[in-house]
Amino acid sequence: MPWAYYVFQGTEPDCRNDAATCDPVKQDAKTPGLWNPLLYFDTVKQDGEQGNIKPLSGFYDAARNGTLPAVSWVAPTDKVSEHGPAKISTGQAYVAGLVNAVMSGPDWDSTAIFLSWDDWGGFYDHETPPVVDNNGYGLRVPGLVISPYAKKGYIDHQVLSHDAYFKFIEDDFLGGERIDPATDGRPDPRPDVRENNPQLGDLAKSFDFNQAPLPPLILPNATTY
């Protein structure tokens, strides 16, 4: 399955070790770090896939030309991350630019964009996370589905986690095949195959593939880097 991980060059959005403040830490496609972890992965090295980790600058042309890989990840830099002291509006304009580029390309009619946050900047979540395994789930975070086949106005009430993104990708491109550390010859510390947890919902329910595909909605005030 073709994939790419696009990294915005600049500084890391978060401090390490849960520190509240820290000196800026360099971030780019060639430097392993908090938001570019794949360069640390033995699997990426052993499979010769370091070249799949790319600078963000190549994302926009690939999106407009229809040459994005089947699965593409995009990681922000500090100034567009919506982490303080960066402005939320700057991050929103950046994300709008990414989505506009995809909507402007020839692959929009077969695209699903998952916009995901890693934390939440409001009051602490009052809901107790469900117990699923030794790792469990954390506090709830926002997530949006953007696609010509997304259900309009749909709010998904399933129990979901970031594992659901992997589940969707594996179901769509790998016929439901899972990475199982007990059998794949590359052990990792996960307590189980998280995508198979019975409490985990299915993001496919956010789509209606029988509906007429929605046209692109190009947003103004977007920023392209």
N, C-alpha and C. Protein backbone atom coordinates (compact mmCIF):
# COMPACT_ATOMS: atom_id res chain seq x y z
N MET A 1 0.84 -1.19 0.00
CA MET A 1 0.00 0.00 0.00
C MET A 1 0.88 1.24 0.00
N PRO A 2 0.81 2.10 -1.03
CA PRO A 2 1.61 3.33 -1.06
C PRO A 2 1.21 4.28 0.06
N TRP A 3 2.19 4.87 0.74
CA TRP A 3 1.91 5.81 1.81
C TRP A 3 2.98 6.89 1.87
N ALA A 4 2.64 8.00 2.51
CA ALA A 4 3.62 9.06 2.75
C ALA A 4 3.27 9.76 4.06
N TYR A 5 4.28 10.29 4.70
CA TYR A 5 4.12 11.04 5.94
C TYR A 5 4.78 12.40 5.71
N TYR A 6 3.96 13.44 5.61
CA TYR A 6 4.45 14.78 5.30
C TYR A 6 4.68 15.57 6.58
N VAL A 7 5.88 16.12 6.71
CA VAL A 7 6.28 16.83 7.93
C VAL A 7 6.53 18.30 7.60
N PHE A 8 5.88 19.17 8.35
CA PHE A 8 6.05 20.62 8.19
C PHE A 8 7.35 21.02 8.89
N GLN A 9 8.29 21.57 8.12
CA GLN A 9 9.58 21.97 8.68
C GLN A 9 9.41 23.17 9.60
N GLY A 10 10.06 23.12 10.74
CA GLY A 10 10.00 24.22 11.71
C GLY A 10 10.43 23.74 13.07
N THR A 11 9.54 23.86 14.05
CA THR A 11 9.83 23.37 15.39
C THR A 11 8.67 22.50 15.87
N GLU A 12 8.97 21.61 16.81
CA GLU A 12 7.97 20.68 17.31
C GLU A 12 6.84 21.42 18.03
N PRO A 13 5.59 20.97 17.85
CA PRO A 13 4.45 21.63 18.50
C PRO A 13 4.40 21.44 20.01
N ASP A 14 4.94 20.35 20.52
CA ASP A 14 4.82 20.02 21.94
C ASP A 14 6.17 20.03 22.63
N CYS A 15 6.12 20.21 23.94
CA CYS A 15 7.32 19.98 24.75
C CYS A 15 7.41 18.50 25.11
N ARG A 16 8.61 18.01 25.25
CA ARG A 16 8.80 16.62 25.62
C ARG A 16 8.68 16.44 27.13
N ASN A 17 8.42 15.20 27.54
CA ASN A 17 8.31 14.86 28.96
C ASN A 17 7.24 15.67 29.67
N ASP A 18 6.19 16.06 28.91
CA ASP A 18 5.03 16.76 29.49
C ASP A 18 5.39 18.09 30.14
N ALA A 19 6.48 18.69 29.71
CA ALA A 19 6.85 19.99 30.27
C ALA A 19 5.89 21.07 29.76
N ALA A 20 5.65 22.09 30.58
CA ALA A 20 4.75 23.17 30.19
C ALA A 20 5.40 24.12 29.20
N THR A 21 6.69 24.37 29.37
CA THR A 21 7.43 25.24 28.46
C THR A 21 8.77 24.58 28.14
N CYS A 22 9.34 24.95 27.00
CA CYS A 22 10.63 24.38 26.60
C CYS A 22 11.22 25.22 25.48
N ASP A 23 12.50 25.04 25.24
CA ASP A 23 13.14 25.68 24.10
C ASP A 23 12.68 25.00 22.81
N PRO A 24 12.61 25.73 21.70
CA PRO A 24 12.19 25.13 20.44
C PRO A 24 13.08 23.96 20.03
N VAL A 25 12.45 22.91 19.50
CA VAL A 25 13.18 21.73 19.03
C VAL A 25 12.96 21.61 17.52
N LYS A 26 14.04 21.46 16.78
CA LYS A 26 13.99 21.39 15.32
C LYS A 26 13.10 20.24 14.84
N GLN A 27 12.36 20.50 13.78
CA GLN A 27 11.53 19.46 13.16
C GLN A 27 11.65 19.55 11.64
N ASP A 28 11.94 18.43 11.00
CA ASP A 28 11.87 18.34 9.55
C ASP A 28 11.77 16.87 9.16
N ALA A 29 11.65 16.61 7.87
CA ALA A 29 11.41 15.25 7.39
C ALA A 29 12.59 14.32 7.60
N LYS A 30 13.77 14.86 7.82
CA LYS A 30 14.97 14.03 7.97
C LYS A 30 15.42 13.88 9.41
N THR A 31 14.70 14.51 10.35
CA THR A 31 15.10 14.49 11.75
C THR A 31 14.05 13.74 12.57
N PRO A 32 14.41 12.63 13.20
CA PRO A 32 13.41 11.94 14.04
C PRO A 32 13.05 12.78 15.24
N GLY A 33 11.78 12.73 15.63
CA GLY A 33 11.36 13.55 16.75
C GLY A 33 9.96 13.19 17.20
N LEU A 34 9.42 14.02 18.07
CA LEU A 34 8.13 13.77 18.69
C LEU A 34 7.02 13.68 17.65
N TRP A 35 7.07 14.54 16.63
CA TRP A 35 6.04 14.55 15.59
C TRP A 35 6.53 13.94 14.29
N ASN A 36 7.71 13.38 14.29
CA ASN A 36 8.22 12.62 13.15
C ASN A 36 8.82 11.31 13.68
N PRO A 37 7.98 10.45 14.28
CA PRO A 37 8.51 9.27 14.96
C PRO A 37 8.90 8.13 14.03
N LEU A 38 8.43 8.14 12.78
CA LEU A 38 8.62 6.98 11.91
C LEU A 38 10.09 6.71 11.61
N LEU A 39 10.93 7.74 11.67
CA LEU A 39 12.37 7.51 11.45
C LEU A 39 12.98 6.66 12.55
N TYR A 40 12.29 6.58 13.70
CA TYR A 40 12.76 5.70 14.78
C TYR A 40 12.35 4.24 14.54
N PHE A 41 11.36 4.00 13.67
CA PHE A 41 10.76 2.67 13.54
C PHE A 41 11.70 1.70 12.82
N ASP A 42 11.99 0.57 13.44
CA ASP A 42 12.79 -0.46 12.78
C ASP A 42 12.10 -0.96 11.52
N THR A 43 10.76 -1.05 11.55
CA THR A 43 10.04 -1.56 10.38
C THR A 43 10.23 -0.64 9.18
N VAL A 44 10.22 0.66 9.39
CA VAL A 44 10.42 1.61 8.29
C VAL A 44 11.84 1.47 7.74
N LYS A 45 12.81 1.32 8.62
CA LYS A 45 14.20 1.16 8.19
C LYS A 45 14.38 -0.15 7.44
N GLN A 46 13.88 -1.24 8.01
CA GLN A 46 14.07 -2.56 7.40
C GLN A 46 13.38 -2.68 6.05
N ASP A 47 12.27 -1.97 5.88
CA ASP A 47 11.55 -2.02 4.61
C ASP A 47 12.04 -0.97 3.62
N GLY A 48 13.06 -0.19 4.00
CA GLY A 48 13.61 0.81 3.09
C GLY A 48 12.62 1.90 2.74
N GLU A 49 11.80 2.32 3.72
CA GLU A 49 10.74 3.28 3.45
C GLU A 49 11.00 4.67 4.04
N GLN A 50 12.25 4.96 4.38
CA GLN A 50 12.53 6.28 4.93
C GLN A 50 12.16 7.39 3.94
N GLY A 51 12.24 7.08 2.65
CA GLY A 51 11.89 8.07 1.63
C GLY A 51 10.42 8.41 1.58
N ASN A 52 9.59 7.63 2.27
CA ASN A 52 8.16 7.94 2.33
C ASN A 52 7.88 9.09 3.29
N ILE A 53 8.86 9.47 4.08
CA ILE A 53 8.73 10.60 5.00
C ILE A 53 9.24 11.83 4.27
N LYS A 54 8.35 12.78 3.99
CA LYS A 54 8.63 13.85 3.04
C LYS A 54 8.37 15.22 3.65
N PRO A 55 8.99 16.27 3.08
CA PRO A 55 8.66 17.64 3.50
C PRO A 55 7.24 18.00 3.07
N LEU A 56 6.60 18.85 3.85
CA LEU A 56 5.25 19.28 3.53
C LEU A 56 5.16 19.97 2.18
N SER A 57 6.24 20.60 1.74
CA SER A 57 6.21 21.38 0.49
C SER A 57 5.74 20.55 -0.70
N GLY A 58 5.97 19.23 -0.66
CA GLY A 58 5.55 18.39 -1.78
C GLY A 58 4.10 17.96 -1.73
N PHE A 59 3.43 18.24 -0.62
CA PHE A 59 2.05 17.77 -0.47
C PHE A 59 1.09 18.48 -1.43
N TYR A 60 1.23 19.80 -1.55
CA TYR A 60 0.25 20.59 -2.28
C TYR A 60 0.22 20.21 -3.77
N ASP A 61 1.38 20.12 -4.40
CA ASP A 61 1.41 19.74 -5.81
C ASP A 61 0.91 18.32 -6.01
N ALA A 62 1.29 17.41 -5.10
CA ALA A 62 0.84 16.02 -5.23
C ALA A 62 -0.69 15.94 -5.11
N ALA A 63 -1.27 16.74 -4.20
CA ALA A 63 -2.73 16.75 -4.05
C ALA A 63 -3.40 17.28 -5.30
N ARG A 64 -2.90 18.37 -5.82
CA ARG A 64 -3.53 18.98 -6.99
C ARG A 64 -3.33 18.14 -8.25
N ASN A 65 -2.22 17.40 -8.30
CA ASN A 65 -1.93 16.59 -9.48
C ASN A 65 -2.51 15.18 -9.41
N GLY A 66 -3.07 14.82 -8.26
CA GLY A 66 -3.60 13.48 -8.10
C GLY A 66 -2.55 12.42 -7.91
N THR A 67 -1.40 12.80 -7.34
CA THR A 67 -0.31 11.85 -7.15
C THR A 67 -0.03 11.57 -5.67
N LEU A 68 -0.95 11.95 -4.79
CA LEU A 68 -0.78 11.57 -3.39
C LEU A 68 -0.86 10.05 -3.26
N PRO A 69 -0.07 9.46 -2.37
CA PRO A 69 -0.21 8.02 -2.12
C PRO A 69 -1.59 7.68 -1.57
N ALA A 70 -1.92 6.40 -1.59
CA ALA A 70 -3.24 5.96 -1.12
C ALA A 70 -3.52 6.43 0.30
N VAL A 71 -2.51 6.40 1.16
CA VAL A 71 -2.64 6.88 2.54
C VAL A 71 -1.56 7.93 2.79
N SER A 72 -1.97 9.12 3.18
CA SER A 72 -1.05 10.22 3.44
C SER A 72 -1.34 10.82 4.81
N TRP A 73 -0.30 11.01 5.58
CA TRP A 73 -0.39 11.65 6.88
C TRP A 73 0.28 13.02 6.79
N VAL A 74 -0.25 14.00 7.52
CA VAL A 74 0.34 15.34 7.53
C VAL A 74 0.50 15.78 8.97
N ALA A 75 1.73 16.15 9.35
CA ALA A 75 2.02 16.60 10.72
C ALA A 75 2.37 18.08 10.69
N PRO A 76 1.82 18.88 11.61
CA PRO A 76 2.05 20.33 11.60
C PRO A 76 3.36 20.71 12.27
N THR A 77 3.70 21.96 12.13
CA THR A 77 4.78 22.55 12.91
C THR A 77 4.16 23.42 14.00
N ASP A 78 4.99 23.96 14.87
CA ASP A 78 4.50 24.66 16.06
C ASP A 78 3.52 25.79 15.73
N LYS A 79 3.86 26.62 14.74
CA LYS A 79 3.07 27.84 14.52
C LYS A 79 1.68 27.57 13.96
N VAL A 80 1.43 26.38 13.42
CA VAL A 80 0.10 26.07 12.89
C VAL A 80 -0.57 24.94 13.66
N SER A 81 -0.04 24.59 14.83
CA SER A 81 -0.49 23.40 15.55
C SER A 81 -1.68 23.65 16.47
N GLU A 82 -2.05 24.92 16.68
CA GLU A 82 -3.09 25.30 17.63
C GLU A 82 -2.69 25.03 19.07
N HIS A 83 -1.42 24.73 19.31
CA HIS A 83 -0.90 24.67 20.66
C HIS A 83 -0.46 26.08 21.07
N GLY A 84 -0.79 26.49 22.31
CA GLY A 84 -0.36 27.80 22.77
C GLY A 84 1.15 27.93 22.73
N PRO A 85 1.67 29.12 22.43
CA PRO A 85 0.96 30.38 22.19
C PRO A 85 0.54 30.61 20.73
N ALA A 86 0.61 29.57 19.89
CA ALA A 86 0.19 29.74 18.50
C ALA A 86 -1.30 30.05 18.42
N LYS A 87 -1.71 30.78 17.40
CA LYS A 87 -3.11 31.16 17.24
C LYS A 87 -3.92 30.02 16.62
N ILE A 88 -5.12 29.78 17.15
CA ILE A 88 -6.01 28.78 16.58
C ILE A 88 -6.36 29.15 15.14
N SER A 89 -6.57 30.43 14.88
CA SER A 89 -6.93 30.87 13.53
C SER A 89 -5.84 30.54 12.51
N THR A 90 -4.58 30.62 12.92
CA THR A 90 -3.48 30.27 12.02
C THR A 90 -3.52 28.79 11.67
N GLY A 91 -3.81 27.95 12.67
CA GLY A 91 -3.92 26.53 12.42
C GLY A 91 -5.11 26.19 11.54
N GLN A 92 -6.21 26.89 11.74
CA GLN A 92 -7.40 26.63 10.92
C GLN A 92 -7.15 27.01 9.46
N ALA A 93 -6.47 28.12 9.23
CA ALA A 93 -6.15 28.54 7.87
C ALA A 93 -5.22 27.54 7.18
N TYR A 94 -4.28 27.01 7.95
CA TYR A 94 -3.35 25.99 7.43
C TYR A 94 -4.10 24.73 7.03
N VAL A 95 -4.98 24.24 7.90
CA VAL A 95 -5.75 23.03 7.59
C VAL A 95 -6.66 23.26 6.38
N ALA A 96 -7.28 24.44 6.31
CA ALA A 96 -8.12 24.75 5.16
C ALA A 96 -7.32 24.70 3.86
N GLY A 97 -6.07 25.14 3.90
CA GLY A 97 -5.22 25.08 2.72
C GLY A 97 -4.92 23.66 2.29
N LEU A 98 -4.72 22.76 3.26
CA LEU A 98 -4.50 21.35 2.94
C LEU A 98 -5.74 20.75 2.28
N VAL A 99 -6.90 21.01 2.88
CA VAL A 99 -8.14 20.44 2.37
C VAL A 99 -8.47 21.02 0.99
N ASN A 100 -8.26 22.32 0.82
CA ASN A 100 -8.50 22.94 -0.48
C ASN A 100 -7.65 22.30 -1.57
N ALA A 101 -6.40 21.99 -1.25
CA ALA A 101 -5.51 21.38 -2.24
C ALA A 101 -6.04 20.03 -2.67
N VAL A 102 -6.53 19.24 -1.72
CA VAL A 102 -7.07 17.92 -2.07
C VAL A 102 -8.36 18.07 -2.87
N MET A 103 -9.23 18.98 -2.44
CA MET A 103 -10.49 19.19 -3.16
C MET A 103 -10.27 19.70 -4.57
N SER A 104 -9.15 20.39 -4.81
CA SER A 104 -8.86 20.95 -6.13
C SER A 104 -8.25 19.91 -7.08
N GLY A 105 -7.91 18.74 -6.56
CA GLY A 105 -7.26 17.72 -7.38
C GLY A 105 -8.23 16.72 -7.97
N PRO A 106 -7.73 15.87 -8.86
CA PRO A 106 -8.59 14.91 -9.56
C PRO A 106 -9.05 13.73 -8.70
N ASP A 107 -8.49 13.57 -7.49
CA ASP A 107 -8.83 12.41 -6.65
C ASP A 107 -9.89 12.72 -5.61
N TRP A 108 -10.48 13.93 -5.66
CA TRP A 108 -11.45 14.29 -4.63
C TRP A 108 -12.59 13.30 -4.56
N ASP A 109 -13.04 12.78 -5.71
CA ASP A 109 -14.22 11.92 -5.71
C ASP A 109 -13.97 10.55 -5.10
N SER A 110 -12.73 10.27 -4.68
CA SER A 110 -12.45 8.99 -4.02
C SER A 110 -11.64 9.21 -2.74
N THR A 111 -11.84 10.36 -2.12
CA THR A 111 -11.01 10.77 -0.98
C THR A 111 -11.80 10.76 0.32
N ALA A 112 -11.11 10.39 1.39
CA ALA A 112 -11.61 10.58 2.75
C ALA A 112 -10.51 11.28 3.55
N ILE A 113 -10.85 12.40 4.15
CA ILE A 113 -9.91 13.16 4.98
C ILE A 113 -10.35 13.02 6.43
N PHE A 114 -9.44 12.59 7.28
CA PHE A 114 -9.71 12.51 8.71
C PHE A 114 -8.89 13.59 9.40
N LEU A 115 -9.58 14.57 9.95
CA LEU A 115 -8.94 15.65 10.68
C LEU A 115 -9.02 15.33 12.16
N SER A 116 -7.85 15.14 12.78
CA SER A 116 -7.82 14.63 14.15
C SER A 116 -6.94 15.50 15.03
N TRP A 117 -7.38 15.69 16.27
CA TRP A 117 -6.58 16.39 17.27
C TRP A 117 -6.01 15.37 18.26
N ASP A 118 -4.88 15.73 18.87
CA ASP A 118 -4.25 14.80 19.81
C ASP A 118 -4.57 15.16 21.25
N ASP A 119 -5.18 16.30 21.47
CA ASP A 119 -5.59 16.67 22.83
C ASP A 119 -6.71 17.69 22.71
N TRP A 120 -7.15 18.21 23.83
CA TRP A 120 -8.30 19.11 23.85
C TRP A 120 -7.99 20.28 24.74
N GLY A 121 -8.25 21.50 24.24
CA GLY A 121 -7.83 22.69 24.96
C GLY A 121 -8.87 23.28 25.88
N GLY A 122 -9.99 22.60 26.10
CA GLY A 122 -11.03 23.14 26.96
C GLY A 122 -10.93 22.59 28.36
N PHE A 123 -12.08 22.57 29.06
CA PHE A 123 -12.11 21.98 30.39
C PHE A 123 -11.89 20.47 30.30
N TYR A 124 -11.46 19.87 31.38
CA TYR A 124 -11.16 18.44 31.37
C TYR A 124 -12.42 17.62 31.12
N ASP A 125 -12.27 16.55 30.38
CA ASP A 125 -13.41 15.71 30.01
C ASP A 125 -14.07 15.11 31.26
N HIS A 126 -15.38 15.24 31.35
CA HIS A 126 -16.10 14.72 32.52
C HIS A 126 -16.48 13.26 32.36
N GLU A 127 -16.31 12.69 31.16
CA GLU A 127 -16.66 11.29 30.93
C GLU A 127 -15.47 10.38 31.25
N THR A 128 -15.73 9.31 32.00
CA THR A 128 -14.67 8.35 32.31
C THR A 128 -14.38 7.51 31.07
N PRO A 129 -13.14 7.44 30.61
CA PRO A 129 -12.83 6.65 29.42
C PRO A 129 -13.14 5.18 29.64
N PRO A 130 -13.60 4.47 28.61
CA PRO A 130 -13.86 3.03 28.76
C PRO A 130 -12.57 2.24 28.95
N VAL A 131 -12.66 1.16 29.68
CA VAL A 131 -11.52 0.26 29.89
C VAL A 131 -11.55 -0.77 28.77
N VAL A 132 -10.51 -0.77 27.95
CA VAL A 132 -10.47 -1.70 26.82
C VAL A 132 -9.33 -2.70 26.92
N ASP A 133 -8.22 -2.30 27.55
CA ASP A 133 -7.08 -3.19 27.77
C ASP A 133 -6.16 -2.48 28.76
N ASN A 134 -4.92 -2.94 28.88
CA ASN A 134 -4.01 -2.34 29.85
C ASN A 134 -3.68 -0.88 29.52
N ASN A 135 -3.77 -0.52 28.24
CA ASN A 135 -3.50 0.86 27.86
C ASN A 135 -4.72 1.75 28.02
N GLY A 136 -5.89 1.22 27.74
CA GLY A 136 -7.11 1.99 27.88
C GLY A 136 -7.22 3.10 26.86
N TYR A 137 -8.26 3.91 27.01
CA TYR A 137 -8.46 5.09 26.19
C TYR A 137 -8.27 6.31 27.07
N GLY A 138 -7.99 7.45 26.46
CA GLY A 138 -7.82 8.69 27.20
C GLY A 138 -9.04 9.58 27.10
N LEU A 139 -8.84 10.86 27.38
CA LEU A 139 -9.93 11.81 27.28
C LEU A 139 -10.36 11.97 25.82
N ARG A 140 -11.59 12.41 25.62
CA ARG A 140 -12.12 12.55 24.26
C ARG A 140 -11.49 13.74 23.54
N VAL A 141 -11.27 13.58 22.24
CA VAL A 141 -10.71 14.64 21.41
C VAL A 141 -11.58 14.80 20.17
N PRO A 142 -11.55 15.97 19.53
CA PRO A 142 -12.38 16.18 18.33
C PRO A 142 -11.85 15.39 17.13
N GLY A 143 -12.74 15.11 16.21
CA GLY A 143 -12.37 14.48 14.95
C GLY A 143 -13.42 14.78 13.90
N LEU A 144 -12.98 15.08 12.68
CA LEU A 144 -13.90 15.39 11.58
C LEU A 144 -13.62 14.46 10.40
N VAL A 145 -14.68 14.10 9.70
CA VAL A 145 -14.58 13.32 8.46
C VAL A 145 -15.00 14.23 7.31
N ILE A 146 -14.12 14.40 6.33
CA ILE A 146 -14.37 15.26 5.18
C ILE A 146 -14.24 14.40 3.92
N SER A 147 -15.34 14.26 3.18
CA SER A 147 -15.34 13.37 2.03
C SER A 147 -16.57 13.66 1.17
N PRO A 148 -16.50 13.39 -0.13
CA PRO A 148 -17.70 13.52 -0.95
C PRO A 148 -18.79 12.51 -0.56
N TYR A 149 -18.42 11.51 0.22
CA TYR A 149 -19.38 10.49 0.64
C TYR A 149 -19.65 10.53 2.15
N ALA A 150 -19.16 11.57 2.83
CA ALA A 150 -19.46 11.72 4.26
C ALA A 150 -20.94 12.03 4.44
N LYS A 151 -21.54 11.46 5.48
CA LYS A 151 -22.94 11.73 5.77
C LYS A 151 -23.08 13.18 6.25
N LYS A 152 -23.94 13.93 5.59
CA LYS A 152 -24.10 15.34 5.91
C LYS A 152 -24.72 15.51 7.29
N GLY A 153 -24.09 16.32 8.14
CA GLY A 153 -24.61 16.61 9.47
C GLY A 153 -24.57 15.44 10.43
N TYR A 154 -23.80 14.42 10.12
CA TYR A 154 -23.79 13.19 10.92
C TYR A 154 -22.88 13.34 12.14
N ILE A 155 -23.37 12.95 13.31
CA ILE A 155 -22.57 12.89 14.53
C ILE A 155 -22.42 11.43 14.92
N ASP A 156 -21.21 10.96 14.99
CA ASP A 156 -20.95 9.55 15.28
C ASP A 156 -20.90 9.33 16.79
N HIS A 157 -21.78 8.49 17.29
CA HIS A 157 -21.85 8.24 18.73
C HIS A 157 -21.17 6.92 19.13
N GLN A 158 -20.44 6.32 18.22
CA GLN A 158 -19.71 5.10 18.56
C GLN A 158 -18.55 5.42 19.50
N VAL A 159 -18.05 4.40 20.18
CA VAL A 159 -16.79 4.52 20.92
C VAL A 159 -15.66 4.39 19.90
N LEU A 160 -14.89 5.43 19.77
CA LEU A 160 -13.81 5.46 18.79
C LEU A 160 -12.51 5.91 19.46
N SER A 161 -11.42 5.56 18.87
CA SER A 161 -10.11 6.04 19.29
C SER A 161 -9.28 6.23 18.03
N HIS A 162 -8.05 6.67 18.19
CA HIS A 162 -7.18 6.81 17.02
C HIS A 162 -6.92 5.46 16.36
N ASP A 163 -7.16 4.37 17.09
CA ASP A 163 -7.04 3.04 16.47
C ASP A 163 -8.03 2.88 15.32
N ALA A 164 -9.15 3.61 15.37
CA ALA A 164 -10.17 3.48 14.33
C ALA A 164 -9.65 3.94 12.97
N TYR A 165 -8.71 4.87 12.95
CA TYR A 165 -8.12 5.29 11.67
C TYR A 165 -7.34 4.14 11.05
N PHE A 166 -6.55 3.45 11.88
CA PHE A 166 -5.81 2.30 11.37
C PHE A 166 -6.77 1.20 10.90
N LYS A 167 -7.81 0.99 11.67
CA LYS A 167 -8.79 -0.03 11.31
C LYS A 167 -9.41 0.29 9.95
N PHE A 168 -9.80 1.53 9.73
CA PHE A 168 -10.39 1.92 8.46
C PHE A 168 -9.42 1.70 7.30
N ILE A 169 -8.17 2.11 7.49
CA ILE A 169 -7.15 1.95 6.45
C ILE A 169 -6.92 0.47 6.15
N GLU A 170 -6.79 -0.33 7.19
CA GLU A 170 -6.55 -1.76 6.99
C GLU A 170 -7.73 -2.46 6.34
N ASP A 171 -8.94 -2.07 6.72
CA ASP A 171 -10.12 -2.66 6.11
C ASP A 171 -10.24 -2.26 4.65
N ASP A 172 -9.90 -1.00 4.35
CA ASP A 172 -10.09 -0.48 3.00
C ASP A 172 -9.01 -0.95 2.03
N PHE A 173 -7.77 -0.98 2.47
CA PHE A 173 -6.65 -1.24 1.57
C PHE A 173 -6.00 -2.61 1.76
N LEU A 174 -6.21 -3.23 2.92
CA LEU A 174 -5.52 -4.49 3.20
C LEU A 174 -6.49 -5.64 3.46
N GLY A 175 -7.76 -5.44 3.12
CA GLY A 175 -8.74 -6.51 3.30
C GLY A 175 -8.93 -6.93 4.74
N GLY A 176 -8.73 -5.99 5.68
CA GLY A 176 -8.90 -6.29 7.09
C GLY A 176 -7.69 -6.91 7.75
N GLU A 177 -6.58 -7.00 7.04
CA GLU A 177 -5.35 -7.58 7.64
C GLU A 177 -4.86 -6.68 8.76
N ARG A 178 -4.44 -7.27 9.86
CA ARG A 178 -3.94 -6.54 11.01
C ARG A 178 -2.45 -6.84 11.25
N ILE A 179 -1.79 -5.87 11.86
CA ILE A 179 -0.42 -6.09 12.32
C ILE A 179 -0.50 -6.70 13.71
N ASP A 180 -0.13 -7.95 13.84
CA ASP A 180 -0.23 -8.67 15.10
C ASP A 180 1.17 -8.98 15.60
N PRO A 181 1.59 -8.33 16.70
CA PRO A 181 2.96 -8.55 17.19
C PRO A 181 3.22 -9.99 17.63
N ALA A 182 2.16 -10.76 17.84
CA ALA A 182 2.35 -12.15 18.25
C ALA A 182 2.70 -13.05 17.08
N THR A 183 2.43 -12.58 15.85
CA THR A 183 2.63 -13.46 14.70
C THR A 183 3.40 -12.85 13.54
N ASP A 184 3.65 -11.54 13.57
CA ASP A 184 4.25 -10.92 12.38
C ASP A 184 5.77 -10.92 12.40
N GLY A 185 6.39 -11.47 13.46
CA GLY A 185 7.84 -11.54 13.51
C GLY A 185 8.51 -10.25 13.94
N ARG A 186 7.72 -9.24 14.24
CA ARG A 186 8.26 -7.97 14.69
C ARG A 186 7.53 -7.57 15.97
N PRO A 187 7.91 -8.12 17.09
CA PRO A 187 7.17 -7.89 18.34
C PRO A 187 7.17 -6.41 18.74
N ASP A 188 6.08 -5.98 19.33
CA ASP A 188 6.00 -4.63 19.88
C ASP A 188 5.24 -4.71 21.20
N PRO A 189 5.25 -3.63 22.00
CA PRO A 189 4.73 -3.73 23.37
C PRO A 189 3.22 -3.58 23.49
N ARG A 190 2.47 -3.53 22.39
CA ARG A 190 1.02 -3.41 22.54
C ARG A 190 0.44 -4.62 23.26
N PRO A 191 -0.55 -4.41 24.14
CA PRO A 191 -1.13 -5.54 24.88
C PRO A 191 -2.01 -6.43 24.01
N ASP A 192 -2.45 -5.91 22.84
CA ASP A 192 -3.34 -6.68 21.98
C ASP A 192 -3.38 -5.99 20.61
N VAL A 193 -4.17 -6.54 19.70
CA VAL A 193 -4.38 -5.89 18.41
C VAL A 193 -5.53 -4.90 18.59
N ARG A 194 -5.21 -3.67 18.77
CA ARG A 194 -6.18 -2.67 19.21
C ARG A 194 -7.34 -2.50 18.21
N GLU A 195 -7.05 -2.69 16.92
CA GLU A 195 -8.10 -2.50 15.92
C GLU A 195 -9.20 -3.55 16.04
N ASN A 196 -8.91 -4.68 16.69
CA ASN A 196 -9.89 -5.76 16.82
C ASN A 196 -10.69 -5.67 18.12
N ASN A 197 -10.45 -4.67 18.94
CA ASN A 197 -11.18 -4.58 20.20
C ASN A 197 -12.68 -4.45 19.93
N PRO A 198 -13.50 -5.26 20.56
CA PRO A 198 -14.94 -5.24 20.27
C PRO A 198 -15.63 -3.93 20.62
N GLN A 199 -15.02 -3.11 21.50
CA GLN A 199 -15.62 -1.82 21.84
C GLN A 199 -15.33 -0.74 20.80
N LEU A 200 -14.36 -0.99 19.93
CA LEU A 200 -13.96 0.02 18.95
C LEU A 200 -14.97 0.10 17.82
N GLY A 201 -15.46 1.29 17.52
CA GLY A 201 -16.41 1.49 16.44
C GLY A 201 -15.76 1.41 15.07
N ASP A 202 -16.58 1.59 14.04
CA ASP A 202 -16.15 1.47 12.66
C ASP A 202 -16.42 2.80 11.95
N LEU A 203 -15.37 3.48 11.51
CA LEU A 203 -15.52 4.77 10.85
C LEU A 203 -16.24 4.67 9.52
N ALA A 204 -16.35 3.49 8.95
CA ALA A 204 -17.08 3.33 7.70
C ALA A 204 -18.55 3.76 7.86
N LYS A 205 -19.05 3.76 9.09
CA LYS A 205 -20.43 4.16 9.32
C LYS A 205 -20.65 5.66 9.16
N SER A 206 -19.55 6.41 9.02
CA SER A 206 -19.67 7.85 8.79
C SER A 206 -19.89 8.19 7.32
N PHE A 207 -19.92 7.17 6.47
CA PHE A 207 -20.02 7.39 5.02
C PHE A 207 -21.32 6.79 4.48
N ASP A 208 -21.79 7.37 3.37
CA ASP A 208 -22.88 6.81 2.59
C ASP A 208 -22.41 6.74 1.15
N PHE A 209 -21.97 5.56 0.74
CA PHE A 209 -21.40 5.42 -0.59
C PHE A 209 -22.47 5.28 -1.67
N ASN A 210 -23.73 5.34 -1.28
CA ASN A 210 -24.83 5.34 -2.24
C ASN A 210 -25.32 6.75 -2.56
N GLN A 211 -24.87 7.74 -1.80
CA GLN A 211 -25.32 9.09 -2.05
C GLN A 211 -24.58 9.71 -3.23
N ALA A 212 -25.17 10.72 -3.84
CA ALA A 212 -24.46 11.46 -4.89
C ALA A 212 -23.26 12.16 -4.25
N PRO A 213 -22.07 12.02 -4.83
CA PRO A 213 -20.88 12.61 -4.20
C PRO A 213 -21.02 14.13 -4.07
N LEU A 214 -20.63 14.62 -2.90
CA LEU A 214 -20.70 16.05 -2.64
C LEU A 214 -19.59 16.77 -3.41
N PRO A 215 -19.88 17.96 -3.97
CA PRO A 215 -18.86 18.70 -4.73
C PRO A 215 -17.83 19.32 -3.79
N PRO A 216 -16.68 19.73 -4.32
CA PRO A 216 -15.70 20.43 -3.48
C PRO A 216 -16.28 21.72 -2.92
N LEU A 217 -15.82 22.07 -1.72
CA LEU A 217 -16.18 23.33 -1.09
C LEU A 217 -14.88 24.04 -0.73
N ILE A 218 -14.41 24.89 -1.63
CA ILE A 218 -13.13 25.57 -1.45
C ILE A 218 -13.33 26.74 -0.49
N LEU A 219 -12.63 26.71 0.62
CA LEU A 219 -12.79 27.73 1.66
C LEU A 219 -11.87 28.92 1.41
N PRO A 220 -12.38 30.12 1.67
CA PRO A 220 -11.52 31.32 1.56
C PRO A 220 -10.60 31.44 2.77
N ASN A 221 -9.68 32.38 2.69
CA ASN A 221 -8.78 32.70 3.79
C ASN A 221 -7.90 31.53 4.22
N ALA A 222 -7.69 30.60 3.29
CA ALA A 222 -6.80 29.47 3.58
C ALA A 222 -5.36 29.86 3.29
N THR A 223 -4.44 29.14 3.91
CA THR A 223 -3.02 29.43 3.76
C THR A 223 -2.30 28.23 3.18
N THR A 224 -1.47 28.47 2.17
CA THR A 224 -0.65 27.41 1.57
C THR A 224 0.82 27.71 1.89
N TYR A 225 1.53 26.69 2.37
CA TYR A 225 2.93 26.88 2.75
C TYR A 225 3.86 26.19 1.76
